[in-house]
Structure formats: C-alpha cells, structure tokens
Amino acid sequence: MQAYRIETTIKADGELALSQLPLKAGEKIEVIILTEDAGNKANPPKRINSLLEKKSAVSKAHRQQVLAQIRNGLFSSLRKPGTLSPSEEYARRKIEEKELEERRLMP
C-alpha cells in the first residue's frame, strides 16, 4: 500500500474535500484522518520537554564520566613501552609495502 500525505483544513462541518490525488478511478483506498491541536505543534507538552531535558542531563553526565576515565588512563592498553598498537603496526607494514613496490618499479 502506497501512502500519500496531504494537509488541509476542513472548510465545512463534517466534509473533507481532496483534489488532484495521484489515483485512478476504481482504486480502493483507506483513509485515516489525524486531527491537529493548534497549540501542540509549536509547544509540545511540558512532560515531553522535561523528559528530554533529563535525558540530555544523563547523557552529558555520562559523557563527562567517560572522559574523566579516559584522561585517567582507565582505557589505555597495557602494551609494553616501545611496542606498536595494531593500527600503528598496520600503518608501518603498509609503508614498507609501498617502499618495496616503489623500489621494484624503479629501472
């Protein structure tokens, strides 16, 4: 089923007029009508706003806690000094491969 969204205003009590629909005569359709309270679109209920503020506060506090743990070295690896991380080792190998390839292509 294909959905089409049309916003309109009721001009006469109990009547809805729609025109220029992308439909052909005989097509079966289902109509769902959603009414809109004029104040709700611009001003969501205070309960929703307060929930969003609480969620943001929790996220901010959690982010600050994780950053503090990172700064304190909680997530640092236990590599021996002088050893390369896997990504550093990969980069080193790629550089070596490139240098070998360049030497191989030299006349």
C-alpha atoms as a PDB file:
ATOM      1  CA  MET A   1       0.000   0.000   0.000  1.00  0.00           C
ATOM      2  CA  GLN A   2       1.377   3.410  -1.001  1.00  0.00           C
ATOM      3  CA  ALA A   3       0.974   6.339   1.426  1.00  0.00           C
ATOM      4  CA  TYR A   4       0.332   9.942   0.456  1.00  0.00           C
ATOM      5  CA  ARG A   5       0.366  12.810   2.911  1.00  0.00           C
ATOM      6  CA  ILE A   6      -1.911  15.783   2.392  1.00  0.00           C
ATOM      7  CA  GLU A   7      -2.524  18.546   4.904  1.00  0.00           C
ATOM      8  CA  THR A   8      -5.722  20.521   4.538  1.00  0.00           C
ATOM      9  CA  THR A   9      -8.251  22.473   6.541  1.00  0.00           C
ATOM     10  CA  ILE A  10     -11.890  21.456   6.926  1.00  0.00           C
ATOM     11  CA  LYS A  11     -13.990  24.173   5.320  1.00  0.00           C
ATOM     12  CA  ALA A  12     -17.480  22.829   6.111  1.00  0.00           C
ATOM     13  CA  ASP A  13     -18.519  20.822   9.184  1.00  0.00           C
ATOM     14  CA  GLY A  14     -18.295  17.089   8.534  1.00  0.00           C
ATOM     15  CA  GLU A  15     -16.939  17.422   4.988  1.00  0.00           C
ATOM     16  CA  LEU A  16     -13.493  16.738   3.571  1.00  0.00           C
ATOM     17  CA  ALA A  17     -12.630  17.703   0.017  1.00  0.00           C
ATOM     18  CA  LEU A  18      -9.485  16.399  -1.691  1.00  0.00           C
ATOM     19  CA  SER A  19      -8.477  17.008  -5.269  1.00  0.00           C
ATOM     20  CA  GLN A  20      -5.579  16.243  -7.591  1.00  0.00           C
ATOM     21  CA  LEU A  21      -4.907  12.887  -5.954  1.00  0.00           C
ATOM     22  CA  PRO A  22      -2.477  10.569  -7.804  1.00  0.00           C
ATOM     23  CA  LEU A  23      -5.159   7.855  -8.001  1.00  0.00           C
ATOM     24  CA  LYS A  24      -7.265   6.333 -10.753  1.00  0.00           C
ATOM     25  CA  ALA A  25     -10.999   5.709 -10.775  1.00  0.00           C
ATOM     26  CA  GLY A  26     -11.866   2.393  -9.146  1.00  0.00           C
ATOM     27  CA  GLU A  27      -8.762   2.169  -6.930  1.00  0.00           C
ATOM     28  CA  LYS A  28      -9.537   1.063  -3.390  1.00  0.00           C
ATOM     29  CA  ILE A  29      -8.114   3.299  -0.674  1.00  0.00           C
ATOM     30  CA  GLU A  30      -8.042   3.514   3.094  1.00  0.00           C
ATOM     31  CA  VAL A  31      -8.407   6.924   4.702  1.00  0.00           C
ATOM     32  CA  ILE A  32      -7.006   7.792   8.116  1.00  0.00           C
ATOM     33  CA  ILE A  33      -7.718  11.258   9.432  1.00  0.00           C
ATOM     34  CA  LEU A  34      -5.432  12.788  12.050  1.00  0.00           C
ATOM     35  CA  THR A  35      -6.551  15.981  13.729  1.00  0.00           C
ATOM     36  CA  GLU A  36      -4.064  18.522  14.957  1.00  0.00           C
ATOM     37  CA  ASP A  37      -4.411  20.640  18.059  1.00  0.00           C
ATOM     38  CA  ALA A  38      -3.105  24.090  17.058  1.00  0.00           C
ATOM     39  CA  GLY A  39      -1.078  24.549  20.259  1.00  0.00           C
ATOM     40  CA  ASN A  40       0.582  21.142  20.317  1.00  0.00           C
ATOM     41  CA  LYS A  41       2.652  21.519  17.141  1.00  0.00           C
ATOM     42  CA  ALA A  42       4.501  24.631  18.308  1.00  0.00           C
ATOM     43  CA  ASN A  43       4.550  23.814  22.041  1.00  0.00           C
ATOM     44  CA  PRO A  44       4.972  20.124  22.869  1.00  0.00           C
ATOM     45  CA  PRO A  45       3.593  19.102  26.269  1.00  0.00           C
ATOM     46  CA  LYS A  46       5.780  20.049  29.217  1.00  0.00           C
ATOM     47  CA  ARG A  47       6.057  16.408  30.241  1.00  0.00           C
ATOM     48  CA  ILE A  48       7.898  15.564  26.989  1.00  0.00           C
ATOM     49  CA  ASN A  49      10.168  18.599  27.362  1.00  0.00           C
ATOM     50  CA  SER A  50      11.107  17.591  30.897  1.00  0.00           C
ATOM     51  CA  LEU A  51      11.885  14.027  29.781  1.00  0.00           C
ATOM     52  CA  LEU A  52      14.130  15.325  27.009  1.00  0.00           C
ATOM     53  CA  GLU A  53      15.953  17.609  29.435  1.00  0.00           C
ATOM     54  CA  LYS A  54      16.515  14.729  31.871  1.00  0.00           C
ATOM     55  CA  LYS A  55      17.805  12.507  29.049  1.00  0.00           C
ATOM     56  CA  SER A  56      20.241  15.219  27.952  1.00  0.00           C
ATOM     57  CA  ALA A  57      21.445  15.725  31.509  1.00  0.00           C
ATOM     58  CA  VAL A  58      22.101  11.996  31.951  1.00  0.00           C
ATOM     59  CA  SER A  59      23.913  11.791  28.634  1.00  0.00           C
ATOM     60  CA  LYS A  60      26.062  14.797  29.475  1.00  0.00           C
ATOM     61  CA  ALA A  61      26.940  13.406  32.911  1.00  0.00           C
ATOM     62  CA  HIS A  62      27.788  10.015  31.445  1.00  0.00           C
ATOM     63  CA  ARG A  63      29.941  11.617  28.747  1.00  0.00           C
ATOM     64  CA  GLN A  64      31.830  13.625  31.393  1.00  0.00           C
ATOM     65  CA  GLN A  65      32.381  10.477  33.459  1.00  0.00           C
ATOM     66  CA  VAL A  66      33.774   8.549  30.483  1.00  0.00           C
ATOM     67  CA  LEU A  67      36.041  11.459  29.508  1.00  0.00           C
ATOM     68  CA  ALA A  68      37.404  11.574  33.060  1.00  0.00           C
ATOM     69  CA  GLN A  69      38.113   7.834  32.906  1.00  0.00           C
ATOM     70  CA  ILE A  70      39.915   8.257  29.591  1.00  0.00           C
ATOM     71  CA  ARG A  71      42.020  11.096  30.983  1.00  0.00           C
ATOM     72  CA  ASN A  72      42.924   8.935  33.987  1.00  0.00           C
ATOM     73  CA  GLY A  73      44.138   6.161  31.713  1.00  0.00           C
ATOM     74  CA  LEU A  74      41.398   3.647  32.511  1.00  0.00           C
ATOM     75  CA  PHE A  75      41.090   2.638  28.856  1.00  0.00           C
ATOM     76  CA  SER A  76      44.781   2.754  27.992  1.00  0.00           C
ATOM     77  CA  SER A  77      46.167  -0.522  26.799  1.00  0.00           C
ATOM     78  CA  LEU A  78      48.708  -2.481  28.762  1.00  0.00           C
ATOM     79  CA  ARG A  79      51.285  -2.611  25.964  1.00  0.00           C
ATOM     80  CA  LYS A  80      54.926  -2.703  26.819  1.00  0.00           C
ATOM     81  CA  PRO A  81      56.744   0.566  26.120  1.00  0.00           C
ATOM     82  CA  GLY A  82      58.044   0.695  22.570  1.00  0.00           C
ATOM     83  CA  THR A  83      55.522  -1.777  21.143  1.00  0.00           C
ATOM     84  CA  LEU A  84      53.168  -0.624  18.434  1.00  0.00           C
ATOM     85  CA  SER A  85      49.398  -0.756  18.587  1.00  0.00           C
ATOM     86  CA  PRO A  86      47.701  -2.913  15.949  1.00  0.00           C
ATOM     87  CA  SER A  87      46.801   0.165  13.886  1.00  0.00           C
ATOM     88  CA  GLU A  88      50.358   1.526  14.136  1.00  0.00           C
ATOM     89  CA  GLU A  89      51.730  -1.872  13.126  1.00  0.00           C
ATOM     90  CA  TYR A  90      49.355  -1.981  10.152  1.00  0.00           C
ATOM     91  CA  ALA A  91      50.427   1.528   9.055  1.00  0.00           C
ATOM     92  CA  ARG A  92      54.118   0.549   9.375  1.00  0.00           C
ATOM     93  CA  ARG A  93      53.565  -2.555   7.200  1.00  0.00           C
ATOM     94  CA  LYS A  94      51.707  -0.535   4.562  1.00  0.00           C
ATOM     95  CA  ILE A  95      54.571   1.990   4.388  1.00  0.00           C
ATOM     96  CA  GLU A  96      57.088  -0.835   3.993  1.00  0.00           C
ATOM     97  CA  GLU A  97      54.976  -2.430   1.245  1.00  0.00           C
ATOM     98  CA  LYS A  98      54.747   0.869  -0.594  1.00  0.00           C
ATOM     99  CA  GLU A  99      58.506   1.412  -0.358  1.00  0.00           C
ATOM    100  CA  LEU A 100      59.179  -2.127  -1.653  1.00  0.00           C
ATOM    101  CA  GLU A 101      56.761  -1.607  -4.533  1.00  0.00           C
ATOM    102  CA  GLU A 102      58.435   1.708  -5.454  1.00  0.00           C
ATOM    103  CA  ARG A 103      61.867   0.051  -5.427  1.00  0.00           C
ATOM    104  CA  ARG A 104      60.606  -2.814  -7.551  1.00  0.00           C
ATOM    105  CA  LEU A 105      59.231  -0.391 -10.162  1.00  0.00           C
ATOM    106  CA  MET A 106      62.487   1.624 -10.380  1.00  0.00           C
ATOM    107  CA  PRO A 107      64.561   0.885 -13.524  1.00  0.00           C
END
